[in-house]
Amino acid sequence: MLDTLNKRITVLLDREHTIGHSYLLPLKANPTLEMLADIFKSKIIPLLQEYFYDDYEKIQLVLGDNQKPDDSTRFIVKKANTVKLFGNADIDFPEYYEVNSAAFEEVDAYAFL
């Protein structure tokens, strides 16, 4: 998992920003999905947000979200319903993404890591 994340980070950014094994050390004492979810939510995702300056398309690539069949297992999901928010405004809105908290508790969410 860590190897895959780091290979993707190296290609998209550089090798100086790879994630160290210490992020996953709590799993040694508590090897549960809940612990993995907590590590991703509280450590890995914020780190990737910082590394990629909130470029969520790249963060999705690092997390393998682009390979997942539906939003239920994607860590980052696109919320592009700007028409609901603003009506038919003649403005090019940037893509809007959010962290899908429910995905962290799904085993299948980690399948492409």
PDB file of N, CA and C in Angstrom:
ATOM      1  N   MET A   1       0.825  -1.184   0.000  1.00  0.00           N
ATOM      2  CA  MET A   1       0.000   0.000   0.000  1.00  0.00           C
ATOM      3  C   MET A   1       0.877   1.258   0.000  1.00  0.00           C
ATOM      4  N   LEU A   2       1.814   1.306   0.932  1.00  0.00           N
ATOM      5  CA  LEU A   2       2.695   2.463   1.028  1.00  0.00           C
ATOM      6  C   LEU A   2       3.569   2.593  -0.215  1.00  0.00           C
ATOM      7  N   ASP A   3       4.012   1.469  -0.740  1.00  0.00           N
ATOM      8  CA  ASP A   3       4.829   1.471  -1.950  1.00  0.00           C
ATOM      9  C   ASP A   3       4.054   2.059  -3.129  1.00  0.00           C
ATOM     10  N   THR A   4       2.803   1.666  -3.283  1.00  0.00           N
ATOM     11  CA  THR A   4       1.969   2.179  -4.375  1.00  0.00           C
ATOM     12  C   THR A   4       1.738   3.677  -4.217  1.00  0.00           C
ATOM     13  N   LEU A   5       1.389   4.108  -3.012  1.00  0.00           N
ATOM     14  CA  LEU A   5       1.192   5.540  -2.758  1.00  0.00           C
ATOM     15  C   LEU A   5       2.450   6.325  -3.118  1.00  0.00           C
ATOM     16  N   ASN A   6       3.594   5.832  -2.668  1.00  0.00           N
ATOM     17  CA  ASN A   6       4.844   6.547  -2.895  1.00  0.00           C
ATOM     18  C   ASN A   6       5.262   6.569  -4.360  1.00  0.00           C
ATOM     19  N   LYS A   7       5.014   5.502  -5.088  1.00  0.00           N
ATOM     20  CA  LYS A   7       5.319   5.506  -6.522  1.00  0.00           C
ATOM     21  C   LYS A   7       4.483   6.560  -7.239  1.00  0.00           C
ATOM     22  N   ARG A   8       3.222   6.650  -6.883  1.00  0.00           N
ATOM     23  CA  ARG A   8       2.335   7.636  -7.509  1.00  0.00           C
ATOM     24  C   ARG A   8       2.742   9.059  -7.139  1.00  0.00           C
ATOM     25  N   ILE A   9       3.098   9.271  -5.876  1.00  0.00           N
ATOM     26  CA  ILE A   9       3.548  10.599  -5.449  1.00  0.00           C
ATOM     27  C   ILE A   9       4.818  10.984  -6.190  1.00  0.00           C
ATOM     28  N   THR A  10       5.736  10.046  -6.344  1.00  0.00           N
ATOM     29  CA  THR A  10       6.993  10.314  -7.041  1.00  0.00           C
ATOM     30  C   THR A  10       6.751  10.732  -8.484  1.00  0.00           C
ATOM     31  N   VAL A  11       5.846  10.058  -9.164  1.00  0.00           N
ATOM     32  CA  VAL A  11       5.552  10.394 -10.561  1.00  0.00           C
ATOM     33  C   VAL A  11       4.858  11.752 -10.664  1.00  0.00           C
ATOM     34  N   LEU A  12       3.905  12.013  -9.782  1.00  0.00           N
ATOM     35  CA  LEU A  12       3.115  13.241  -9.874  1.00  0.00           C
ATOM     36  C   LEU A  12       3.780  14.458  -9.238  1.00  0.00           C
ATOM     37  N   LEU A  13       4.710  14.227  -8.310  1.00  0.00           N
ATOM     38  CA  LEU A  13       5.336  15.342  -7.604  1.00  0.00           C
ATOM     39  C   LEU A  13       6.850  15.185  -7.630  1.00  0.00           C
ATOM     40  N   ASP A  14       7.380  14.422  -6.723  1.00  0.00           N
ATOM     41  CA  ASP A  14       8.801  14.069  -6.690  1.00  0.00           C
ATOM     42  C   ASP A  14       9.031  13.065  -5.561  1.00  0.00           C
ATOM     43  N   ARG A  15      10.221  12.533  -5.484  1.00  0.00           N
ATOM     44  CA  ARG A  15      10.480  11.502  -4.478  1.00  0.00           C
ATOM     45  C   ARG A  15      10.773  12.086  -3.100  1.00  0.00           C
ATOM     46  N   GLU A  16      10.955  13.402  -3.034  1.00  0.00           N
ATOM     47  CA  GLU A  16      11.221  14.052  -1.749  1.00  0.00           C
ATOM     48  C   GLU A  16       9.968  14.139  -0.879  1.00  0.00           C
ATOM     49  N   HIS A  17       8.816  13.875  -1.463  1.00  0.00           N
ATOM     50  CA  HIS A  17       7.551  13.992  -0.734  1.00  0.00           C
ATOM     51  C   HIS A  17       6.892  12.638  -0.448  1.00  0.00           C
ATOM     52  N   THR A  18       7.657  11.578  -0.515  1.00  0.00           N
ATOM     53  CA  THR A  18       7.065  10.266  -0.246  1.00  0.00           C
ATOM     54  C   THR A  18       6.675  10.148   1.230  1.00  0.00           C
ATOM     55  N   ILE A  19       5.772   9.238   1.500  1.00  0.00           N
ATOM     56  CA  ILE A  19       5.224   9.046   2.841  1.00  0.00           C
ATOM     57  C   ILE A  19       6.044   7.985   3.571  1.00  0.00           C
ATOM     58  N   GLY A  20       6.496   8.315   4.753  1.00  0.00           N
ATOM     59  CA  GLY A  20       7.305   7.388   5.543  1.00  0.00           C
ATOM     60  C   GLY A  20       6.472   6.307   6.212  1.00  0.00           C
ATOM     61  N   HIS A  21       7.118   5.201   6.508  1.00  0.00           N
ATOM     62  CA  HIS A  21       6.422   4.064   7.122  1.00  0.00           C
ATOM     63  C   HIS A  21       5.868   4.390   8.507  1.00  0.00           C
ATOM     64  N   SER A  22       6.396   5.426   9.147  1.00  0.00           N
ATOM     65  CA  SER A  22       5.935   5.769  10.496  1.00  0.00           C
ATOM     66  C   SER A  22       4.455   6.152  10.530  1.00  0.00           C
ATOM     67  N   TYR A  23       3.928   6.600   9.404  1.00  0.00           N
ATOM     68  CA  TYR A  23       2.497   6.926   9.349  1.00  0.00           C
ATOM     69  C   TYR A  23       1.635   5.689   9.607  1.00  0.00           C
ATOM     70  N   LEU A  24       2.127   4.536   9.199  1.00  0.00           N
ATOM     71  CA  LEU A  24       1.343   3.305   9.331  1.00  0.00           C
ATOM     72  C   LEU A  24       1.726   2.453  10.545  1.00  0.00           C
ATOM     73  N   LEU A  25       2.675   2.902  11.340  1.00  0.00           N
ATOM     74  CA  LEU A  25       3.109   2.123  12.504  1.00  0.00           C
ATOM     75  C   LEU A  25       1.994   1.818  13.502  1.00  0.00           C
ATOM     76  N   PRO A  26       1.034   2.702  13.729  1.00  0.00           N
ATOM     77  CA  PRO A  26      -0.045   2.351  14.666  1.00  0.00           C
ATOM     78  C   PRO A  26      -0.804   1.083  14.271  1.00  0.00           C
ATOM     79  N   LEU A  27      -0.737   0.706  12.996  1.00  0.00           N
ATOM     80  CA  LEU A  27      -1.405  -0.520  12.547  1.00  0.00           C
ATOM     81  C   LEU A  27      -0.755  -1.774  13.125  1.00  0.00           C
ATOM     82  N   LYS A  28       0.515  -1.661  13.485  1.00  0.00           N
ATOM     83  CA  LYS A  28       1.207  -2.824  14.044  1.00  0.00           C
ATOM     84  C   LYS A  28       0.580  -3.232  15.381  1.00  0.00           C
ATOM     85  N   ALA A  29       0.256  -2.259  16.205  1.00  0.00           N
ATOM     86  CA  ALA A  29      -0.351  -2.541  17.509  1.00  0.00           C
ATOM     87  C   ALA A  29      -1.855  -2.762  17.413  1.00  0.00           C
ATOM     88  N   ASN A  30      -2.468  -2.160  16.391  1.00  0.00           N
ATOM     89  CA  ASN A  30      -3.925  -2.234  16.260  1.00  0.00           C
ATOM     90  C   ASN A  30      -4.291  -2.406  14.780  1.00  0.00           C
ATOM     91  N   PRO A  31      -4.123  -3.615  14.232  1.00  0.00           N
ATOM     92  CA  PRO A  31      -4.344  -3.843  12.795  1.00  0.00           C
ATOM     93  C   PRO A  31      -5.830  -3.968  12.428  1.00  0.00           C
ATOM     94  N   THR A  32      -6.535  -2.858  12.508  1.00  0.00           N
ATOM     95  CA  THR A  32      -7.971  -2.865  12.215  1.00  0.00           C
ATOM     96  C   THR A  32      -8.293  -1.872  11.107  1.00  0.00           C
ATOM     97  N   LEU A  33      -9.432  -2.077  10.494  1.00  0.00           N
ATOM     98  CA  LEU A  33      -9.902  -1.136   9.475  1.00  0.00           C
ATOM     99  C   LEU A  33     -10.124   0.241  10.092  1.00  0.00           C
ATOM    100  N   GLU A  34     -10.590   0.272  11.326  1.00  0.00           N
ATOM    101  CA  GLU A  34     -10.826   1.542  12.006  1.00  0.00           C
ATOM    102  C   GLU A  34      -9.530   2.334  12.163  1.00  0.00           C
ATOM    103  N   MET A  35      -8.450   1.657  12.509  1.00  0.00           N
ATOM    104  CA  MET A  35      -7.157   2.326  12.659  1.00  0.00           C
ATOM    105  C   MET A  35      -6.657   2.823  11.309  1.00  0.00           C
ATOM    106  N   LEU A  36      -6.768   1.988  10.278  1.00  0.00           N
ATOM    107  CA  LEU A  36      -6.368   2.402   8.937  1.00  0.00           C
ATOM    108  C   LEU A  36      -7.182   3.614   8.493  1.00  0.00           C
ATOM    109  N   ALA A  37      -8.480   3.586   8.732  1.00  0.00           N
ATOM    110  CA  ALA A  37      -9.349   4.711   8.373  1.00  0.00           C
ATOM    111  C   ALA A  37      -8.917   5.977   9.101  1.00  0.00           C
ATOM    112  N   ASP A  38      -8.603   5.851  10.375  1.00  0.00           N
ATOM    113  CA  ASP A  38      -8.172   7.012  11.155  1.00  0.00           C
ATOM    114  C   ASP A  38      -6.864   7.584  10.622  1.00  0.00           C
ATOM    115  N   ILE A  39      -5.930   6.719  10.269  1.00  0.00           N
ATOM    116  CA  ILE A  39      -4.649   7.167   9.715  1.00  0.00           C
ATOM    117  C   ILE A  39      -4.874   7.917   8.407  1.00  0.00           C
ATOM    118  N   PHE A  40      -5.702   7.379   7.546  1.00  0.00           N
ATOM    119  CA  PHE A  40      -5.967   8.041   6.273  1.00  0.00           C
ATOM    120  C   PHE A  40      -6.680   9.377   6.479  1.00  0.00           C
ATOM    121  N   LYS A  41      -7.702   9.385   7.326  1.00  0.00           N
ATOM    122  CA  LYS A  41      -8.477  10.617   7.555  1.00  0.00           C
ATOM    123  C   LYS A  41      -7.658  11.711   8.233  1.00  0.00           C
ATOM    124  N   SER A  42      -6.894  11.338   9.234  1.00  0.00           N
ATOM    125  CA  SER A  42      -6.221  12.357  10.038  1.00  0.00           C
ATOM    126  C   SER A  42      -4.788  12.665   9.615  1.00  0.00           C
ATOM    127  N   LYS A  43      -4.178  11.776   8.841  1.00  0.00           N
ATOM    128  CA  LYS A  43      -2.776  11.989   8.486  1.00  0.00           C
ATOM    129  C   LYS A  43      -2.505  12.000   6.975  1.00  0.00           C
ATOM    130  N   ILE A  44      -2.908  10.947   6.275  1.00  0.00           N
ATOM    131  CA  ILE A  44      -2.564  10.808   4.853  1.00  0.00           C
ATOM    132  C   ILE A  44      -3.292  11.846   3.991  1.00  0.00           C
ATOM    133  N   ILE A  45      -4.597  11.964   4.146  1.00  0.00           N
ATOM    134  CA  ILE A  45      -5.357  12.917   3.323  1.00  0.00           C
ATOM    135  C   ILE A  45      -4.887  14.351   3.553  1.00  0.00           C
ATOM    136  N   PRO A  46      -4.755  14.819   4.808  1.00  0.00           N
ATOM    137  CA  PRO A  46      -4.250  16.185   5.003  1.00  0.00           C
ATOM    138  C   PRO A  46      -2.852  16.400   4.414  1.00  0.00           C
ATOM    139  N   LEU A  47      -2.005  15.383   4.503  1.00  0.00           N
ATOM    140  CA  LEU A  47      -0.666  15.489   3.933  1.00  0.00           C
ATOM    141  C   LEU A  47      -0.734  15.637   2.413  1.00  0.00           C
ATOM    142  N   LEU A  48      -1.569  14.829   1.768  1.00  0.00           N
ATOM    143  CA  LEU A  48      -1.723  14.928   0.315  1.00  0.00           C
ATOM    144  C   LEU A  48      -2.337  16.269  -0.087  1.00  0.00           C
ATOM    145  N   GLN A  49      -3.261  16.783   0.701  1.00  0.00           N
ATOM    146  CA  GLN A  49      -3.844  18.099   0.420  1.00  0.00           C
ATOM    147  C   GLN A  49      -2.766  19.177   0.459  1.00  0.00           C
ATOM    148  N   GLU A  50      -1.858  19.055   1.398  1.00  0.00           N
ATOM    149  CA  GLU A  50      -0.760  20.012   1.492  1.00  0.00           C
ATOM    150  C   GLU A  50       0.219  19.835   0.331  1.00  0.00           C
ATOM    151  N   TYR A  51       0.612  18.608   0.052  1.00  0.00           N
ATOM    152  CA  TYR A  51       1.561  18.335  -1.027  1.00  0.00           C
ATOM    153  C   TYR A  51       1.064  18.841  -2.376  1.00  0.00           C
ATOM    154  N   PHE A  52      -0.197  18.610  -2.661  1.00  0.00           N
ATOM    155  CA  PHE A  52      -0.738  18.921  -3.984  1.00  0.00           C
ATOM    156  C   PHE A  52      -1.560  20.206  -4.002  1.00  0.00           C
ATOM    157  N   TYR A  53      -1.428  21.022  -2.960  1.00  0.00           N
ATOM    158  CA  TYR A  53      -2.121  22.315  -2.893  1.00  0.00           C
ATOM    159  C   TYR A  53      -3.596  22.180  -3.238  1.00  0.00           C
ATOM    160  N   ASP A  54      -4.245  21.200  -2.649  1.00  0.00           N
ATOM    161  CA  ASP A  54      -5.678  20.946  -2.857  1.00  0.00           C
ATOM    162  C   ASP A  54      -6.042  20.649  -4.315  1.00  0.00           C
ATOM    163  N   ASP A  55      -5.090  20.142  -5.099  1.00  0.00           N
ATOM    164  CA  ASP A  55      -5.390  19.677  -6.460  1.00  0.00           C
ATOM    165  C   ASP A  55      -5.969  18.265  -6.321  1.00  0.00           C
ATOM    166  N   TYR A  56      -7.290  18.223  -6.190  1.00  0.00           N
ATOM    167  CA  TYR A  56      -7.951  16.959  -5.854  1.00  0.00           C
ATOM    168  C   TYR A  56      -7.916  15.930  -6.975  1.00  0.00           C
ATOM    169  N   GLU A  57      -7.730  16.351  -8.197  1.00  0.00           N
ATOM    170  CA  GLU A  57      -7.600  15.369  -9.280  1.00  0.00           C
ATOM    171  C   GLU A  57      -6.319  14.559  -9.092  1.00  0.00           C
ATOM    172  N   LYS A  58      -5.247  15.220  -8.702  1.00  0.00           N
ATOM    173  CA  LYS A  58      -3.991  14.502  -8.459  1.00  0.00           C
ATOM    174  C   LYS A  58      -4.091  13.645  -7.202  1.00  0.00           C
ATOM    175  N   ILE A  59      -4.761  14.160  -6.191  1.00  0.00           N
ATOM    176  CA  ILE A  59      -4.946  13.377  -4.968  1.00  0.00           C
ATOM    177  C   ILE A  59      -5.744  12.115  -5.278  1.00  0.00           C
ATOM    178  N   GLN A  60      -6.754  12.243  -6.135  1.00  0.00           N
ATOM    179  CA  GLN A  60      -7.526  11.064  -6.549  1.00  0.00           C
ATOM    180  C   GLN A  60      -6.633  10.043  -7.250  1.00  0.00           C
ATOM    181  N   LEU A  61      -5.721  10.519  -8.081  1.00  0.00           N
ATOM    182  CA  LEU A  61      -4.807   9.605  -8.772  1.00  0.00           C
ATOM    183  C   LEU A  61      -3.909   8.872  -7.777  1.00  0.00           C
ATOM    184  N   VAL A  62      -3.383   9.592  -6.800  1.00  0.00           N
ATOM    185  CA  VAL A  62      -2.526   8.964  -5.790  1.00  0.00           C
ATOM    186  C   VAL A  62      -3.293   7.884  -5.028  1.00  0.00           C
ATOM    187  N   LEU A  63      -4.556   8.160  -4.725  1.00  0.00           N
ATOM    188  CA  LEU A  63      -5.374   7.229  -3.940  1.00  0.00           C
ATOM    189  C   LEU A  63      -6.033   6.139  -4.775  1.00  0.00           C
ATOM    190  N   GLY A  64      -5.871   6.201  -6.097  1.00  0.00           N
ATOM    191  CA  GLY A  64      -6.479   5.203  -6.972  1.00  0.00           C
ATOM    192  C   GLY A  64      -7.973   5.396  -7.161  1.00  0.00           C
ATOM    193  N   ASP A  65      -8.493   6.558  -6.777  1.00  0.00           N
ATOM    194  CA  ASP A  65      -9.930   6.808  -6.905  1.00  0.00           C
ATOM    195  C   ASP A  65     -10.407   6.778  -8.352  1.00  0.00           C
ATOM    196  N   ASN A  66      -9.527   7.128  -9.274  1.00  0.00           N
ATOM    197  CA  ASN A  66      -9.907   7.137 -10.691  1.00  0.00           C
ATOM    198  C   ASN A  66     -10.196   5.733 -11.223  1.00  0.00           C
ATOM    199  N   GLN A  67      -9.767   4.699 -10.503  1.00  0.00           N
ATOM    200  CA  GLN A  67      -9.971   3.315 -10.931  1.00  0.00           C
ATOM    201  C   GLN A  67     -11.197   2.663 -10.292  1.00  0.00           C
ATOM    202  N   LYS A  68     -11.831   3.364  -9.383  1.00  0.00           N
ATOM    203  CA  LYS A  68     -12.962   2.791  -8.643  1.00  0.00           C
ATOM    204  C   LYS A  68     -14.262   3.014  -9.401  1.00  0.00           C
ATOM    205  N   PRO A  69     -15.150   2.031  -9.392  1.00  0.00           N
ATOM    206  CA  PRO A  69     -16.361   2.081 -10.220  1.00  0.00           C
ATOM    207  C   PRO A  69     -17.408   3.106  -9.786  1.00  0.00           C
ATOM    208  N   ASP A  70     -17.441   3.461  -8.498  1.00  0.00           N
ATOM    209  CA  ASP A  70     -18.457   4.428  -8.072  1.00  0.00           C
ATOM    210  C   ASP A  70     -17.970   5.224  -6.861  1.00  0.00           C
ATOM    211  N   ASP A  71     -18.704   6.271  -6.532  1.00  0.00           N
ATOM    212  CA  ASP A  71     -18.301   7.191  -5.469  1.00  0.00           C
ATOM    213  C   ASP A  71     -18.284   6.573  -4.074  1.00  0.00           C
ATOM    214  N   SER A  72     -18.975   5.478  -3.869  1.00  0.00           N
ATOM    215  CA  SER A  72     -19.073   4.918  -2.515  1.00  0.00           C
ATOM    216  C   SER A  72     -17.722   4.484  -1.956  1.00  0.00           C
ATOM    217  N   THR A  73     -16.771   4.152  -2.826  1.00  0.00           N
ATOM    218  CA  THR A  73     -15.449   3.730  -2.363  1.00  0.00           C
ATOM    219  C   THR A  73     -14.354   4.743  -2.698  1.00  0.00           C
ATOM    220  N   ARG A  74     -14.727   5.877  -3.228  1.00  0.00           N
ATOM    221  CA  ARG A  74     -13.747   6.926  -3.522  1.00  0.00           C
ATOM    222  C   ARG A  74     -13.533   7.789  -2.282  1.00  0.00           C
ATOM    223  N   PHE A  75     -12.273   8.057  -1.979  1.00  0.00           N
ATOM    224  CA  PHE A  75     -11.958   8.906  -0.837  1.00  0.00           C
ATOM    225  C   PHE A  75     -12.286  10.369  -1.128  1.00  0.00           C
ATOM    226  N   ILE A  76     -12.087  10.767  -2.372  1.00  0.00           N
ATOM    227  CA  ILE A  76     -12.358  12.139  -2.803  1.00  0.00           C
ATOM    228  C   ILE A  76     -13.421  12.072  -3.889  1.00  0.00           C
ATOM    229  N   VAL A  77     -14.495  12.834  -3.717  1.00  0.00           N
ATOM    230  CA  VAL A  77     -15.578  12.822  -4.702  1.00  0.00           C
ATOM    231  C   VAL A  77     -15.828  14.228  -5.234  1.00  0.00           C
ATOM    232  N   LYS A  78     -16.203  14.255  -6.504  1.00  0.00           N
ATOM    233  CA  LYS A  78     -16.492  15.525  -7.165  1.00  0.00           C
ATOM    234  C   LYS A  78     -17.925  15.934  -6.856  1.00  0.00           C
ATOM    235  N   LYS A  79     -18.078  17.164  -6.462  1.00  0.00           N
ATOM    236  CA  LYS A  79     -19.402  17.740  -6.231  1.00  0.00           C
ATOM    237  C   LYS A  79     -19.552  18.886  -7.227  1.00  0.00           C
ATOM    238  N   ALA A  80     -20.166  18.592  -8.342  1.00  0.00           N
ATOM    239  CA  ALA A  80     -20.213  19.564  -9.433  1.00  0.00           C
ATOM    240  C   ALA A  80     -21.603  20.111  -9.691  1.00  0.00           C
ATOM    241  N   ASN A  81     -22.437  20.175  -8.682  1.00  0.00           N
ATOM    242  CA  ASN A  81     -23.788  20.665  -8.902  1.00  0.00           C
ATOM    243  C   ASN A  81     -23.880  22.161  -8.616  1.00  0.00           C
ATOM    244  N   THR A  82     -23.122  22.953  -9.375  1.00  0.00           N
ATOM    245  CA  THR A  82     -23.126  24.400  -9.180  1.00  0.00           C
ATOM    246  C   THR A  82     -24.423  25.042  -9.653  1.00  0.00           C
ATOM    247  N   VAL A  83     -25.146  24.372 -10.548  1.00  0.00           N
ATOM    248  CA  VAL A  83     -26.425  24.913 -11.018  1.00  0.00           C
ATOM    249  C   VAL A  83     -27.401  25.021  -9.852  1.00  0.00           C
ATOM    250  N   LYS A  84     -27.390  24.030  -8.981  1.00  0.00           N
ATOM    251  CA  LYS A  84     -28.256  24.080  -7.801  1.00  0.00           C
ATOM    252  C   LYS A  84     -27.900  25.257  -6.901  1.00  0.00           C
ATOM    253  N   LEU A  85     -26.626  25.539  -6.807  1.00  0.00           N
ATOM    254  CA  LEU A  85     -26.179  26.616  -5.934  1.00  0.00           C
ATOM    255  C   LEU A  85     -26.393  27.998  -6.532  1.00  0.00           C
ATOM    256  N   PHE A  86     -26.098  28.145  -7.826  1.00  0.00           N
ATOM    257  CA  PHE A  86     -26.063  29.470  -8.428  1.00  0.00           C
ATOM    258  C   PHE A  86     -27.027  29.672  -9.590  1.00  0.00           C
ATOM    259  N   GLY A  87     -27.750  28.646  -9.969  1.00  0.00           N
ATOM    260  CA  GLY A  87     -28.604  28.767 -11.146  1.00  0.00           C
ATOM    261  C   GLY A  87     -27.762  28.703 -12.405  1.00  0.00           C
ATOM    262  N   ASN A  88     -28.294  29.174 -13.496  1.00  0.00           N
ATOM    263  CA  ASN A  88     -27.585  29.139 -14.778  1.00  0.00           C
ATOM    264  C   ASN A  88     -26.726  30.380 -14.958  1.00  0.00           C
ATOM    265  N   ALA A  89     -25.737  30.549 -14.120  1.00  0.00           N
ATOM    266  CA  ALA A  89     -24.820  31.684 -14.217  1.00  0.00           C
ATOM    267  C   ALA A  89     -23.843  31.443 -15.356  1.00  0.00           C
ATOM    268  N   ASP A  90     -23.459  32.494 -16.027  1.00  0.00           N
ATOM    269  CA  ASP A  90     -22.532  32.400 -17.156  1.00  0.00           C
ATOM    270  C   ASP A  90     -21.092  32.551 -16.657  1.00  0.00           C
ATOM    271  N   ILE A  91     -20.720  31.644 -15.777  1.00  0.00           N
ATOM    272  CA  ILE A  91     -19.390  31.663 -15.173  1.00  0.00           C
ATOM    273  C   ILE A  91     -18.834  30.247 -15.217  1.00  0.00           C
ATOM    274  N   ASP A  92     -17.553  30.139 -15.506  1.00  0.00           N
ATOM    275  CA  ASP A  92     -16.891  28.836 -15.436  1.00  0.00           C
ATOM    276  C   ASP A  92     -16.452  28.597 -13.996  1.00  0.00           C
ATOM    277  N   PHE A  93     -17.187  27.745 -13.307  1.00  0.00           N
ATOM    278  CA  PHE A  93     -16.856  27.447 -11.923  1.00  0.00           C
ATOM    279  C   PHE A  93     -15.767  26.385 -11.863  1.00  0.00           C
ATOM    280  N   PRO A  94     -14.863  26.500 -10.898  1.00  0.00           N
ATOM    281  CA  PRO A  94     -13.864  25.436 -10.728  1.00  0.00           C
ATOM    282  C   PRO A  94     -14.541  24.172 -10.208  1.00  0.00           C
ATOM    283  N   GLU A  95     -13.895  23.050 -10.427  1.00  0.00           N
ATOM    284  CA  GLU A  95     -14.409  21.785  -9.904  1.00  0.00           C
ATOM    285  C   GLU A  95     -14.399  21.852  -8.381  1.00  0.00           C
ATOM    286  N   TYR A  96     -15.394  21.279  -7.784  1.00  0.00           N
ATOM    287  CA  TYR A  96     -15.518  21.282  -6.328  1.00  0.00           C
ATOM    288  C   TYR A  96     -15.475  19.839  -5.839  1.00  0.00           C
ATOM    289  N   TYR A  97     -14.565  19.566  -4.922  1.00  0.00           N
ATOM    290  CA  TYR A  97     -14.382  18.212  -4.398  1.00  0.00           C
ATOM    291  C   TYR A  97     -14.561  18.213  -2.886  1.00  0.00           C
ATOM    292  N   GLU A  98     -14.891  17.042  -2.361  1.00  0.00           N
ATOM    293  CA  GLU A  98     -14.935  16.897  -0.917  1.00  0.00           C
ATOM    294  C   GLU A  98     -14.467  15.501  -0.529  1.00  0.00           C
ATOM    295  N   VAL A  99     -14.039  15.382   0.712  1.00  0.00           N
ATOM    296  CA  VAL A  99     -13.603  14.097   1.249  1.00  0.00           C
ATOM    297  C   VAL A  99     -14.842  13.283   1.597  1.00  0.00           C
ATOM    298  N   ASN A 100     -14.872  12.047   1.117  1.00  0.00           N
ATOM    299  CA  ASN A 100     -15.987  11.136   1.368  1.00  0.00           C
ATOM    300  C   ASN A 100     -15.675  10.317   2.623  1.00  0.00           C
ATOM    301  N   SER A 101     -16.131  10.792   3.757  1.00  0.00           N
ATOM    302  CA  SER A 101     -15.815  10.147   5.043  1.00  0.00           C
ATOM    303  C   SER A 101     -16.260   8.694   5.111  1.00  0.00           C
ATOM    304  N   ALA A 102     -17.361   8.367   4.479  1.00  0.00           N
ATOM    305  CA  ALA A 102     -17.883   6.994   4.528  1.00  0.00           C
ATOM    306  C   ALA A 102     -16.943   5.993   3.859  1.00  0.00           C
ATOM    307  N   ALA A 103     -16.187   6.426   2.865  1.00  0.00           N
ATOM    308  CA  ALA A 103     -15.303   5.516   2.124  1.00  0.00           C
ATOM    309  C   ALA A 103     -14.193   4.939   2.993  1.00  0.00           C
ATOM    310  N   PHE A 104     -13.762   5.666   3.999  1.00  0.00           N
ATOM    311  CA  PHE A 104     -12.656   5.203   4.833  1.00  0.00           C
ATOM    312  C   PHE A 104     -12.991   3.926   5.590  1.00  0.00           C
ATOM    313  N   GLU A 105     -14.268   3.681   5.802  1.00  0.00           N
ATOM    314  CA  GLU A 105     -14.712   2.490   6.535  1.00  0.00           C
ATOM    315  C   GLU A 105     -15.004   1.308   5.607  1.00  0.00           C
ATOM    316  N   GLU A 106     -14.799   1.492   4.298  1.00  0.00           N
ATOM    317  CA  GLU A 106     -15.064   0.448   3.306  1.00  0.00           C
ATOM    318  C   GLU A 106     -13.761  -0.244   2.913  1.00  0.00           C
ATOM    319  N   VAL A 107     -13.689  -1.532   3.084  1.00  0.00           N
ATOM    320  CA  VAL A 107     -12.490  -2.293   2.717  1.00  0.00           C
ATOM    321  C   VAL A 107     -12.154  -2.099   1.239  1.00  0.00           C
ATOM    322  N   ASP A 108     -13.167  -2.091   0.386  1.00  0.00           N
ATOM    323  CA  ASP A 108     -12.947  -1.955  -1.057  1.00  0.00           C
ATOM    324  C   ASP A 108     -12.331  -0.618  -1.444  1.00  0.00           C
ATOM    325  N   ALA A 109     -12.420   0.378  -0.587  1.00  0.00           N
ATOM    326  CA  ALA A 109     -11.837   1.684  -0.889  1.00  0.00           C
ATOM    327  C   ALA A 109     -10.315   1.604  -0.989  1.00  0.00           C
ATOM    328  N   TYR A 110      -9.725   0.626  -0.340  1.00  0.00           N
ATOM    329  CA  TYR A 110      -8.265   0.485  -0.314  1.00  0.00           C
ATOM    330  C   TYR A 110      -7.754  -0.493  -1.382  1.00  0.00           C
ATOM    331  N   ALA A 111      -8.641  -0.970  -2.235  1.00  0.00           N
ATOM    332  CA  ALA A 111      -8.302  -2.016  -3.206  1.00  0.00           C
ATOM    333  C   ALA A 111      -7.249  -1.592  -4.220  1.00  0.00           C
ATOM    334  N   PHE A 112      -7.194  -0.314  -4.571  1.00  0.00           N
ATOM    335  CA  PHE A 112      -6.272   0.117  -5.618  1.00  0.00           C
ATOM    336  C   PHE A 112      -5.035   0.803  -5.047  1.00  0.00           C
ATOM    337  N   LEU A 113      -4.711   0.470  -3.808  1.00  0.00           N
ATOM    338  CA  LEU A 113      -3.515   1.044  -3.183  1.00  0.00           C
ATOM    339  C   LEU A 113      -2.429   0.005  -3.041  1.00  0.00           C
TER     340      LEU A 113
END
